[in-house]
Amino acid sequence: MEQWNIWFDRDLWIAIGIVVVATAAIYTVLRALVGIVHKRLTTWSKGQDGNWQHFVAVVIGRTNRTLLLAFSLLLALRLPDLPGSWQAALSHTWFVALALQIALWVDTGVRLWSRSLVVGKHGGSYNPVMTTIISIMVLIVVWSVMLLSILANLGVDITALVASLGVGGIAVALAVQTVLSDVFASLSIGVDKPFEIGDFVVFGEVAGSIEHIGLKTTRIRSLSGEQVVCANADLLRQIVHNYKRMDTRRIVFKFGISYDTPSDKVRQVSERVGEIIRATPKTQFDRAHFLGFDESQLTFEVVYIVQSSDYNQYMDIQQEINLQLLDALRELDVRFALPRRDLRLVGERMPTLKVAGLPQQAEPEADDQDQRLPRFS
């Protein structure tokens, strides 16, 4: 009978009615306020995605309706007289709802900040590795602090939990140390920036353009068309040549002329090479020297600067220099050196060569000295 009397208690139903009406009214007011602020900020920041009004508008738009309803209910429950145990429970619930909402706001702000940096003001990529890693670390810290704060507010002893998490973290780190090394390597790439997306790099036997820099791997589009995936830690252990940051090319090439060339024409060759390179557009002549005596040629070394980093343009310039050099040497009647070997026989007469199928002449009788000469047959 006492339970039935409780359910038919008029004061109880009046209190419930007051709470329901107050909850609805407070929820309506809060929704209206949030909507007005969000709409005003969205209007002010229209077409200006990078300003603070846009950030605040997006963060406010992330206000959770369920948590807003919980706030309204908690405010309404303060109107009737509740026992002390209920007041303690309400205070804990207040903290949980507020912590969740603050975590959602911070989460939205961090993601929006990260996206704005990655996209950039002009639509280009801006250090995506660094911003991604920082945003992930901040989000992990935010949600971890939120969870631990809620547990501590509910009376849970988090000292042992934090200690166990530390030991577990060490065990996990040892188990995934290869992955962590790649992650820290990606962090190093983000901070030091030895290369960025779009750079043309060469390392080992790989040559191509950087397509993506991730937390564990870097993807490269090679010259032959396939995608090369390399672990970040392995990539940083190698010597990387970044040609995107090269403004000029220093070119060194050699050529050789015949040993039959007179010394005056050898001097003219160096002069003509300098004239050819100076007359070629987008080049800066450095030097052209008669370098030395090789096995079958007189070697020249030529050095010049190409005022461009474009490899195809460099090859066009080198081809034009080679063609003009060929014409110039023909005008000077100077021949390019060909591999040649002279065979000198020591003796008083040439050896007799016998070729199959040809008539042979009678050989005169050789004296004792001629017997020592070589014979080919």
Foldseek 3Di string as FASTA:
>chain_A
DVVVCVVVPPVVVVLVVQLVVQLVVQLVVVVVVLVVLLVVLCVVCVPPCPDPSNLVSQLSVQQDSVLSSVVSSLVSNVPDDDDPVVVLVSVLSVLLSVLVSVLSSVLSNLVSVLVCQQCDPVRHGHLNLQSVVVSVVVNVVSVVVSVVVSCVSVPHDCPVVVVVVVVVVVVVCVVPVLLVLLQVLSNVCSVVVPDDAQWWKDWDPFTFGWHDRYSFWTWGQGPVGDIDIDGSNVVVVTDMDTLVPDQKDKDKDKFWFFPPDDPVVVVVLQVVLVVLQVPQPQKAFDGKDQDADDDGGRMIMGIIMGRGSDPVVVVVSVVSSVVSSVVVCVVVVIGTTDDDDDDDFDDDDDADEDDPPDDDDDDDDDDPRVVPGDHYD
